[in-house]
PDB file of N, CA and C in Angstrom:
ATOM      1  N   MET A   1     -25.624  14.993 178.917  1.00  0.00           N
ATOM      2  CA  MET A   1     -24.412  14.439 179.465  1.00  0.00           C
ATOM      3  C   MET A   1     -24.790  13.537 180.643  1.00  0.00           C
ATOM      4  N   VAL A   2     -24.175  12.375 180.703  1.00  0.00           N
ATOM      5  CA  VAL A   2     -24.424  11.428 181.783  1.00  0.00           C
ATOM      6  C   VAL A   2     -23.696  11.891 183.028  1.00  0.00           C
ATOM      7  N   LYS A   3     -24.430  11.914 184.133  1.00  0.00           N
ATOM      8  CA  LYS A   3     -23.808  12.312 185.393  1.00  0.00           C
ATOM      9  C   LYS A   3     -23.074  11.111 185.966  1.00  0.00           C
ATOM     10  N   LEU A   4     -21.775  11.277 186.099  1.00  0.00           N
ATOM     11  CA  LEU A   4     -20.963  10.203 186.655  1.00  0.00           C
ATOM     12  C   LEU A   4     -21.076  10.211 188.167  1.00  0.00           C
ATOM     13  N   GLY A   5     -21.258   9.062 188.700  1.00  0.00           N
ATOM     14  CA  GLY A   5     -21.299   8.910 190.143  1.00  0.00           C
ATOM     15  C   GLY A   5     -20.942   7.483 190.492  1.00  0.00           C
ATOM     16  N   ALA A   6     -20.771   7.233 191.757  1.00  0.00           N
ATOM     17  CA  ALA A   6     -20.364   5.900 192.200  1.00  0.00           C
ATOM     18  C   ALA A   6     -21.382   4.836 191.799  1.00  0.00           C
ATOM     19  N   ASP A   7     -22.677   5.154 191.929  1.00  0.00           N
ATOM     20  CA  ASP A   7     -23.713   4.179 191.582  1.00  0.00           C
ATOM     21  C   ASP A   7     -23.685   3.848 190.096  1.00  0.00           C
ATOM     22  N   TYR A   8     -23.529   4.876 189.265  1.00  0.00           N
ATOM     23  CA  TYR A   8     -23.486   4.655 187.819  1.00  0.00           C
ATOM     24  C   TYR A   8     -22.260   3.827 187.433  1.00  0.00           C
ATOM     25  N   LEU A   9     -21.122   4.125 188.033  1.00  0.00           N
ATOM     26  CA  LEU A   9     -19.904   3.369 187.740  1.00  0.00           C
ATOM     27  C   LEU A   9     -20.032   1.915 188.195  1.00  0.00           C
ATOM     28  N   LYS A  10     -20.676   1.688 189.339  1.00  0.00           N
ATOM     29  CA  LYS A  10     -20.896   0.314 189.810  1.00  0.00           C
ATOM     30  C   LYS A  10     -21.793  -0.443 188.844  1.00  0.00           C
ATOM     31  N   LYS A  11     -22.832   0.243 188.350  1.00  0.00           N
ATOM     32  CA  LYS A  11     -23.742  -0.370 187.384  1.00  0.00           C
ATOM     33  C   LYS A  11     -22.978  -0.753 186.119  1.00  0.00           C
ATOM     34  N   LEU A  12     -22.169   0.163 185.603  1.00  0.00           N
ATOM     35  CA  LEU A  12     -21.368  -0.129 184.415  1.00  0.00           C
ATOM     36  C   LEU A  12     -20.413  -1.287 184.661  1.00  0.00           C
ATOM     37  N   GLN A  13     -19.787  -1.304 185.830  1.00  0.00           N
ATOM     38  CA  GLN A  13     -18.842  -2.379 186.150  1.00  0.00           C
ATOM     39  C   GLN A  13     -19.546  -3.728 186.199  1.00  0.00           C
ATOM     40  N   ARG A  14     -20.757  -3.776 186.792  1.00  0.00           N
ATOM     41  CA  ARG A  14     -21.520  -5.032 186.837  1.00  0.00           C
ATOM     42  C   ARG A  14     -21.866  -5.493 185.425  1.00  0.00           C
ATOM     43  N   GLU A  15     -22.325  -4.554 184.586  1.00  0.00           N
ATOM     44  CA  GLU A  15     -22.664  -4.898 183.207  1.00  0.00           C
ATOM     45  C   GLU A  15     -21.436  -5.409 182.457  1.00  0.00           C
ATOM     46  N   PHE A  16     -20.306  -4.751 182.680  1.00  0.00           N
ATOM     47  CA  PHE A  16     -19.056  -5.145 182.040  1.00  0.00           C
ATOM     48  C   PHE A  16     -18.645  -6.553 182.476  1.00  0.00           C
ATOM     49  N   ASP A  17     -18.640  -6.801 183.778  1.00  0.00           N
ATOM     50  CA  ASP A  17     -18.253  -8.114 184.300  1.00  0.00           C
ATOM     51  C   ASP A  17     -19.169  -9.210 183.764  1.00  0.00           C
ATOM     52  N   ASP A  18     -20.471  -8.928 183.737  1.00  0.00           N
ATOM     53  CA  ASP A  18     -21.443  -9.895 183.241  1.00  0.00           C
ATOM     54  C   ASP A  18     -21.224 -10.179 181.752  1.00  0.00           C
ATOM     55  N   ALA A  19     -20.988  -9.143 180.969  1.00  0.00           N
ATOM     56  CA  ALA A  19     -20.777  -9.311 179.527  1.00  0.00           C
ATOM     57  C   ALA A  19     -19.511 -10.114 179.243  1.00  0.00           C
ATOM     58  N   ILE A  20     -18.462  -9.874 180.012  1.00  0.00           N
ATOM     59  CA  ILE A  20     -17.220 -10.635 179.842  1.00  0.00           C
ATOM     60  C   ILE A  20     -17.453 -12.101 180.197  1.00  0.00           C
ATOM     61  N   GLU A  21     -18.139 -12.335 181.303  1.00  0.00           N
ATOM     62  CA  GLU A  21     -18.390 -13.711 181.740  1.00  0.00           C
ATOM     63  C   GLU A  21     -19.212 -14.479 180.707  1.00  0.00           C
ATOM     64  N   ARG A  22     -20.221 -13.823 180.139  1.00  0.00           N
ATOM     65  CA  ARG A  22     -21.091 -14.477 179.160  1.00  0.00           C
ATOM     66  C   ARG A  22     -20.544 -14.394 177.737  1.00  0.00           C
ATOM     67  N   GLN A  23     -19.435 -13.669 177.569  1.00  0.00           N
ATOM     68  CA  GLN A  23     -18.846 -13.423 176.252  1.00  0.00           C
ATOM     69  C   GLN A  23     -19.901 -12.835 175.307  1.00  0.00           C
ATOM     70  N   ASP A  24     -20.623 -11.844 175.823  1.00  0.00           N
ATOM     71  CA  ASP A  24     -21.698 -11.165 175.097  1.00  0.00           C
ATOM     72  C   ASP A  24     -21.105  -9.989 174.324  1.00  0.00           C
ATOM     73  N   PHE A  25     -20.747 -10.244 173.065  1.00  0.00           N
ATOM     74  CA  PHE A  25     -20.077  -9.220 172.276  1.00  0.00           C
ATOM     75  C   PHE A  25     -20.982  -8.029 171.973  1.00  0.00           C
ATOM     76  N   ASP A  26     -22.282  -8.273 171.815  1.00  0.00           N
ATOM     77  CA  ASP A  26     -23.196  -7.153 171.571  1.00  0.00           C
ATOM     78  C   ASP A  26     -23.201  -6.193 172.760  1.00  0.00           C
ATOM     79  N   LYS A  27     -23.225  -6.749 173.963  1.00  0.00           N
ATOM     80  CA  LYS A  27     -23.207  -5.910 175.171  1.00  0.00           C
ATOM     81  C   LYS A  27     -21.862  -5.207 175.306  1.00  0.00           C
ATOM     82  N   LEU A  28     -20.771  -5.889 174.974  1.00  0.00           N
ATOM     83  CA  LEU A  28     -19.449  -5.260 175.036  1.00  0.00           C
ATOM     84  C   LEU A  28     -19.358  -4.092 174.064  1.00  0.00           C
ATOM     85  N   ILE A  29     -19.931  -4.250 172.883  1.00  0.00           N
ATOM     86  CA  ILE A  29     -19.945  -3.155 171.903  1.00  0.00           C
ATOM     87  C   ILE A  29     -20.764  -1.991 172.438  1.00  0.00           C
ATOM     88  N   GLU A  30     -21.916  -2.305 173.027  1.00  0.00           N
ATOM     89  CA  GLU A  30     -22.768  -1.262 173.615  1.00  0.00           C
ATOM     90  C   GLU A  30     -22.027  -0.513 174.724  1.00  0.00           C
ATOM     91  N   LEU A  31     -21.345  -1.253 175.589  1.00  0.00           N
ATOM     92  CA  LEU A  31     -20.578  -0.625 176.669  1.00  0.00           C
ATOM     93  C   LEU A  31     -19.440   0.216 176.115  1.00  0.00           C
ATOM     94  N   ASP A  32     -18.788  -0.279 175.084  1.00  0.00           N
ATOM     95  CA  ASP A  32     -17.704   0.471 174.444  1.00  0.00           C
ATOM     96  C   ASP A  32     -18.204   1.828 173.955  1.00  0.00           C
ATOM     97  N   HIS A  33     -19.343   1.814 173.263  1.00  0.00           N
ATOM     98  CA  HIS A  33     -19.903   3.073 172.756  1.00  0.00           C
ATOM     99  C   HIS A  33     -20.321   4.001 173.898  1.00  0.00           C
ATOM    100  N   SER A  34     -20.932   3.434 174.919  1.00  0.00           N
ATOM    101  CA  SER A  34     -21.371   4.249 176.057  1.00  0.00           C
ATOM    102  C   SER A  34     -20.194   4.909 176.759  1.00  0.00           C
ATOM    103  N   ILE A  35     -19.171   4.120 177.038  1.00  0.00           N
ATOM    104  CA  ILE A  35     -18.014   4.659 177.759  1.00  0.00           C
ATOM    105  C   ILE A  35     -17.293   5.704 176.926  1.00  0.00           C
ATOM    106  N   ARG A  36     -17.104   5.417 175.631  1.00  0.00           N
ATOM    107  CA  ARG A  36     -16.432   6.407 174.775  1.00  0.00           C
ATOM    108  C   ARG A  36     -17.226   7.697 174.688  1.00  0.00           C
ATOM    109  N   SER A  37     -18.543   7.579 174.600  1.00  0.00           N
ATOM    110  CA  SER A  37     -19.399   8.761 174.539  1.00  0.00           C
ATOM    111  C   SER A  37     -19.265   9.599 175.807  1.00  0.00           C
ATOM    112  N   ILE A  38     -19.275   8.939 176.947  1.00  0.00           N
ATOM    113  CA  ILE A  38     -19.130   9.656 178.221  1.00  0.00           C
ATOM    114  C   ILE A  38     -17.773  10.333 178.296  1.00  0.00           C
ATOM    115  N   LEU A  39     -16.723   9.607 177.919  1.00  0.00           N
ATOM    116  CA  LEU A  39     -15.375  10.182 177.968  1.00  0.00           C
ATOM    117  C   LEU A  39     -15.250  11.389 177.043  1.00  0.00           C
ATOM    118  N   GLN A  40     -15.839  11.291 175.850  1.00  0.00           N
ATOM    119  CA  GLN A  40     -15.773  12.411 174.906  1.00  0.00           C
ATOM    120  C   GLN A  40     -16.562  13.609 175.405  1.00  0.00           C
ATOM    121  N   SER A  41     -17.728  13.364 175.983  1.00  0.00           N
ATOM    122  CA  SER A  41     -18.546  14.481 176.455  1.00  0.00           C
ATOM    123  C   SER A  41     -17.944  15.141 177.691  1.00  0.00           C
ATOM    124  N   ASN A  42     -17.087  14.430 178.391  1.00  0.00           N
ATOM    125  CA  ASN A  42     -16.446  14.974 179.583  1.00  0.00           C
ATOM    126  C   ASN A  42     -14.984  15.333 179.341  1.00  0.00           C
ATOM    127  N   ALA A  43     -14.575  15.392 178.094  1.00  0.00           N
ATOM    128  CA  ALA A  43     -13.162  15.629 177.768  1.00  0.00           C
ATOM    129  C   ALA A  43     -12.659  16.957 178.311  1.00  0.00           C
ATOM    130  N   ASN A  44     -13.522  17.949 178.394  1.00  0.00           N
ATOM    131  CA  ASN A  44     -13.097  19.267 178.859  1.00  0.00           C
ATOM    132  C   ASN A  44     -13.150  19.418 180.375  1.00  0.00           C
ATOM    133  N   GLU A  45     -13.695  18.417 181.036  1.00  0.00           N
ATOM    134  CA  GLU A  45     -13.797  18.463 182.495  1.00  0.00           C
ATOM    135  C   GLU A  45     -12.439  18.149 183.115  1.00  0.00           C
ATOM    136  N   ASN A  46     -12.285  18.565 184.345  1.00  0.00           N
ATOM    137  CA  ASN A  46     -11.088  18.172 185.083  1.00  0.00           C
ATOM    138  C   ASN A  46     -11.123  16.663 185.289  1.00  0.00           C
ATOM    139  N   SER A  47      -9.986  16.067 185.380  1.00  0.00           N
ATOM    140  CA  SER A  47      -9.895  14.619 185.543  1.00  0.00           C
ATOM    141  C   SER A  47     -10.335  14.232 186.951  1.00  0.00           C
ATOM    142  N   THR A  48     -11.605  13.923 187.081  1.00  0.00           N
ATOM    143  CA  THR A  48     -12.155  13.555 188.381  1.00  0.00           C
ATOM    144  C   THR A  48     -11.886  12.083 188.667  1.00  0.00           C
ATOM    145  N   ALA A  49     -12.141  11.691 189.889  1.00  0.00           N
ATOM    146  CA  ALA A  49     -11.972  10.286 190.270  1.00  0.00           C
ATOM    147  C   ALA A  49     -12.886   9.392 189.438  1.00  0.00           C
ATOM    148  N   GLU A  50     -14.106   9.880 189.147  1.00  0.00           N
ATOM    149  CA  GLU A  50     -15.049   9.098 188.355  1.00  0.00           C
ATOM    150  C   GLU A  50     -14.537   8.894 186.937  1.00  0.00           C
ATOM    151  N   LEU A  51     -13.977   9.958 186.344  1.00  0.00           N
ATOM    152  CA  LEU A  51     -13.429   9.830 184.992  1.00  0.00           C
ATOM    153  C   LEU A  51     -12.235   8.881 184.976  1.00  0.00           C
ATOM    154  N   LYS A  52     -11.405   8.960 185.997  1.00  0.00           N
ATOM    155  CA  LYS A  52     -10.261   8.043 186.081  1.00  0.00           C
ATOM    156  C   LYS A  52     -10.744   6.599 186.196  1.00  0.00           C
ATOM    157  N   ALA A  53     -11.782   6.373 186.990  1.00  0.00           N
ATOM    158  CA  ALA A  53     -12.338   5.025 187.130  1.00  0.00           C
ATOM    159  C   ALA A  53     -12.915   4.546 185.804  1.00  0.00           C
ATOM    160  N   LEU A  54     -13.568   5.446 185.089  1.00  0.00           N
ATOM    161  CA  LEU A  54     -14.138   5.100 183.795  1.00  0.00           C
ATOM    162  C   LEU A  54     -13.039   4.787 182.779  1.00  0.00           C
ATOM    163  N   LEU A  55     -11.960   5.536 182.814  1.00  0.00           N
ATOM    164  CA  LEU A  55     -10.826   5.253 181.929  1.00  0.00           C
ATOM    165  C   LEU A  55     -10.224   3.882 182.236  1.00  0.00           C
ATOM    166  N   ARG A  56     -10.100   3.541 183.512  1.00  0.00           N
ATOM    167  CA  ARG A  56      -9.582   2.218 183.883  1.00  0.00           C
ATOM    168  C   ARG A  56     -10.520   1.121 183.385  1.00  0.00           C
ATOM    169  N   MET A  57     -11.835   1.366 183.509  1.00  0.00           N
ATOM    170  CA  MET A  57     -12.812   0.396 183.041  1.00  0.00           C
ATOM    171  C   MET A  57     -12.701   0.220 181.527  1.00  0.00           C
ATOM    172  N   TYR A  58     -12.508   1.323 180.820  1.00  0.00           N
ATOM    173  CA  TYR A  58     -12.375   1.253 179.366  1.00  0.00           C
ATOM    174  C   TYR A  58     -11.105   0.492 178.983  1.00  0.00           C
ATOM    175  N   ASP A  59     -10.027   0.721 179.701  1.00  0.00           N
ATOM    176  CA  ASP A  59      -8.794  -0.035 179.459  1.00  0.00           C
ATOM    177  C   ASP A  59      -9.026  -1.525 179.696  1.00  0.00           C
ATOM    178  N   ASP A  60      -9.736  -1.858 180.768  1.00  0.00           N
ATOM    179  CA  ASP A  60     -10.056  -3.259 181.058  1.00  0.00           C
ATOM    180  C   ASP A  60     -10.910  -3.862 179.948  1.00  0.00           C
ATOM    181  N   LEU A  61     -11.866  -3.083 179.448  1.00  0.00           N
ATOM    182  CA  LEU A  61     -12.722  -3.543 178.361  1.00  0.00           C
ATOM    183  C   LEU A  61     -11.891  -3.852 177.126  1.00  0.00           C
ATOM    184  N   THR A  62     -10.987  -2.957 176.779  1.00  0.00           N
ATOM    185  CA  THR A  62     -10.135  -3.147 175.607  1.00  0.00           C
ATOM    186  C   THR A  62      -9.274  -4.399 175.757  1.00  0.00           C
ATOM    187  N   ILE A  63      -8.682  -4.581 176.921  1.00  0.00           N
ATOM    188  CA  ILE A  63      -7.836  -5.750 177.174  1.00  0.00           C
ATOM    189  C   ILE A  63      -8.661  -7.034 177.142  1.00  0.00           C
ATOM    190  N   SER A  64      -9.830  -7.021 177.752  1.00  0.00           N
ATOM    191  CA  SER A  64     -10.674  -8.215 177.794  1.00  0.00           C
ATOM    192  C   SER A  64     -11.133  -8.630 176.409  1.00  0.00           C
ATOM    193  N   VAL A  65     -11.517  -7.667 175.586  1.00  0.00           N
ATOM    194  CA  VAL A  65     -11.944  -7.981 174.225  1.00  0.00           C
ATOM    195  C   VAL A  65     -10.771  -8.548 173.427  1.00  0.00           C
ATOM    196  N   ALA A  66      -9.594  -7.982 173.593  1.00  0.00           N
ATOM    197  CA  ALA A  66      -8.408  -8.504 172.901  1.00  0.00           C
ATOM    198  C   ALA A  66      -8.124  -9.941 173.343  1.00  0.00           C
ATOM    199  N   ASN A  67      -8.255 -10.211 174.628  1.00  0.00           N
ATOM    200  CA  ASN A  67      -8.037 -11.574 175.131  1.00  0.00           C
ATOM    201  C   ASN A  67      -9.070 -12.550 174.579  1.00  0.00           C
ATOM    202  N   LEU A  68     -10.333 -12.117 174.504  1.00  0.00           N
ATOM    203  CA  LEU A  68     -11.375 -12.975 173.947  1.00  0.00           C
ATOM    204  C   LEU A  68     -11.112 -13.256 172.475  1.00  0.00           C
ATOM    205  N   ARG A  69     -10.688 -12.240 171.738  1.00  0.00           N
ATOM    206  CA  ARG A  69     -10.360 -12.442 170.324  1.00  0.00           C
ATOM    207  C   ARG A  69      -9.230 -13.453 170.170  1.00  0.00           C
ATOM    208  N   GLU A  70      -8.204 -13.324 170.993  1.00  0.00           N
ATOM    209  CA  GLU A  70      -7.066 -14.246 170.937  1.00  0.00           C
ATOM    210  C   GLU A  70      -7.513 -15.669 171.268  1.00  0.00           C
ATOM    211  N   GLN A  71      -8.360 -15.799 172.272  1.00  0.00           N
ATOM    212  CA  GLN A  71      -8.873 -17.111 172.667  1.00  0.00           C
ATOM    213  C   GLN A  71      -9.657 -17.748 171.522  1.00  0.00           C
ATOM    214  N   PHE A  72     -10.532 -16.972 170.880  1.00  0.00           N
ATOM    215  CA  PHE A  72     -11.316 -17.505 169.775  1.00  0.00           C
ATOM    216  C   PHE A  72     -10.441 -17.849 168.577  1.00  0.00           C
ATOM    217  N   ALA A  73      -9.411 -17.060 168.329  1.00  0.00           N
ATOM    218  CA  ALA A  73      -8.495 -17.352 167.224  1.00  0.00           C
ATOM    219  C   ALA A  73      -7.780 -18.681 167.468  1.00  0.00           C
ATOM    220  N   LYS A  74      -7.357 -18.921 168.703  1.00  0.00           N
ATOM    221  CA  LYS A  74      -6.701 -20.194 169.038  1.00  0.00           C
ATOM    222  C   LYS A  74      -7.672 -21.358 168.889  1.00  0.00           C
ATOM    223  N   GLU A  75      -8.904 -21.160 169.348  1.00  0.00           N
ATOM    224  CA  GLU A  75      -9.905 -22.223 169.222  1.00  0.00           C
ATOM    225  C   GLU A  75     -10.195 -22.514 167.758  1.00  0.00           C
ATOM    226  N   LEU A  76     -10.298 -21.471 166.953  1.00  0.00           N
ATOM    227  CA  LEU A  76     -10.559 -21.652 165.528  1.00  0.00           C
ATOM    228  C   LEU A  76      -9.396 -22.371 164.855  1.00  0.00           C
ATOM    229  N   ALA A  77      -8.178 -21.986 165.199  1.00  0.00           N
ATOM    230  CA  ALA A  77      -7.003 -22.652 164.631  1.00  0.00           C
ATOM    231  C   ALA A  77      -6.995 -24.127 165.026  1.00  0.00           C
ATOM    232  N   GLY A  78      -7.356 -24.423 166.257  1.00  0.00           N
ATOM    233  CA  GLY A  78      -7.433 -25.809 166.708  1.00  0.00           C
ATOM    234  C   GLY A  78      -8.501 -26.588 165.968  1.00  0.00           C
ATOM    235  N   MET A  79      -9.643 -25.947 165.719  1.00  0.00           N
ATOM    236  CA  MET A  79     -10.712 -26.607 164.976  1.00  0.00           C
ATOM    237  C   MET A  79     -10.270 -26.882 163.549  1.00  0.00           C
ATOM    238  N   GLN A  80      -9.577 -25.933 162.933  1.00  0.00           N
ATOM    239  CA  GLN A  80      -9.089 -26.126 161.568  1.00  0.00           C
ATOM    240  C   GLN A  80      -8.077 -27.263 161.526  1.00  0.00           C
ATOM    241  N   SER A  81      -7.202 -27.320 162.511  1.00  0.00           N
ATOM    242  CA  SER A  81      -6.189 -28.376 162.588  1.00  0.00           C
ATOM    243  C   SER A  81      -6.858 -29.740 162.755  1.00  0.00           C
ATOM    244  N   ASN A  82      -7.854 -29.819 163.629  1.00  0.00           N
ATOM    245  CA  ASN A  82      -8.587 -31.074 163.832  1.00  0.00           C
ATOM    246  C   ASN A  82      -9.310 -31.495 162.568  1.00  0.00           C
ATOM    247  N   LYS A  83      -9.888 -30.521 161.870  1.00  0.00           N
ATOM    248  CA  LYS A  83     -10.616 -30.806 160.636  1.00  0.00           C
ATOM    249  C   LYS A  83      -9.670 -31.402 159.597  1.00  0.00           C
ATOM    250  N   LYS A  84      -8.476 -30.829 159.463  1.00  0.00           N
ATOM    251  CA  LYS A  84      -7.487 -31.349 158.515  1.00  0.00           C
ATOM    252  C   LYS A  84      -7.049 -32.752 158.917  1.00  0.00           C
ATOM    253  N   GLY A  85      -6.874 -32.963 160.222  1.00  0.00           N
ATOM    254  CA  GLY A  85      -6.475 -34.283 160.704  1.00  0.00           C
ATOM    255  C   GLY A  85      -7.528 -35.336 160.430  1.00  0.00           C
ATOM    256  N   ILE A  86      -8.785 -34.994 160.635  1.00  0.00           N
ATOM    257  CA  ILE A  86      -9.886 -35.928 160.375  1.00  0.00           C
ATOM    258  C   ILE A  86      -9.964 -36.229 158.888  1.00  0.00           C
ATOM    259  N   LYS A  87      -9.829 -35.200 158.062  1.00  0.00           N
ATOM    260  CA  LYS A  87      -9.885 -35.383 156.613  1.00  0.00           C
ATOM    261  C   LYS A  87      -8.739 -36.287 156.155  1.00  0.00           C
ATOM    262  N   ALA A  88      -7.540 -36.075 156.684  1.00  0.00           N
ATOM    263  CA  ALA A  88      -6.388 -36.901 156.313  1.00  0.00           C
ATOM    264  C   ALA A  88      -6.611 -38.347 156.754  1.00  0.00           C
ATOM    265  N   TYR A  89      -7.198 -38.537 157.925  1.00  0.00           N
ATOM    266  CA  TYR A  89      -7.463 -39.887 158.428  1.00  0.00           C
ATOM    267  C   TYR A  89      -8.469 -40.605 157.536  1.00  0.00           C
ATOM    268  N   ARG A  90      -9.508 -39.893 157.120  1.00  0.00           N
ATOM    269  CA  ARG A  90     -10.552 -40.496 156.279  1.00  0.00           C
ATOM    270  C   ARG A  90     -10.024 -40.881 154.904  1.00  0.00           C
ATOM    271  N   THR A  91      -9.099 -40.104 154.373  1.00  0.00           N
ATOM    272  CA  THR A  91      -8.589 -40.376 153.024  1.00  0.00           C
ATOM    273  C   THR A  91      -7.477 -41.417 153.020  1.00  0.00           C
ATOM    274  N   SER A  92      -6.977 -41.795 154.191  1.00  0.00           N
ATOM    275  CA  SER A  92      -5.876 -42.777 154.209  1.00  0.00           C
ATOM    276  C   SER A  92      -6.395 -44.196 154.262  1.00  0.00           C
TER     277      SER A  92
END
C-alpha cells in the first residue's frame, strides 16, 4: 500500500499538471491507474485529508481528460470540414 503524505500528493499533482500541459495521454492513463489503485487499497480507511485531496485530484483528472477529448473532437470536426471545403473547391 502506498503511504499517502503531503510530499507524495505534491509529486502526483506536479506529474498531473505536467501531463495535462503536455497533453501526455500515456502519463494521464498511468496516473489514472495509480490514483484508482491507491483509492481502492485505502477504501476501508477513514477519510483522511490525504484521501480527500487524492479524490479531488482524481476528479480534476477526469474533468481534464473530458475537456481534452472535447477539444480534440472539435479540432477533428474542423479538420473534416476544411477537408470537405478544399475538396469542393478543387472539384468546382
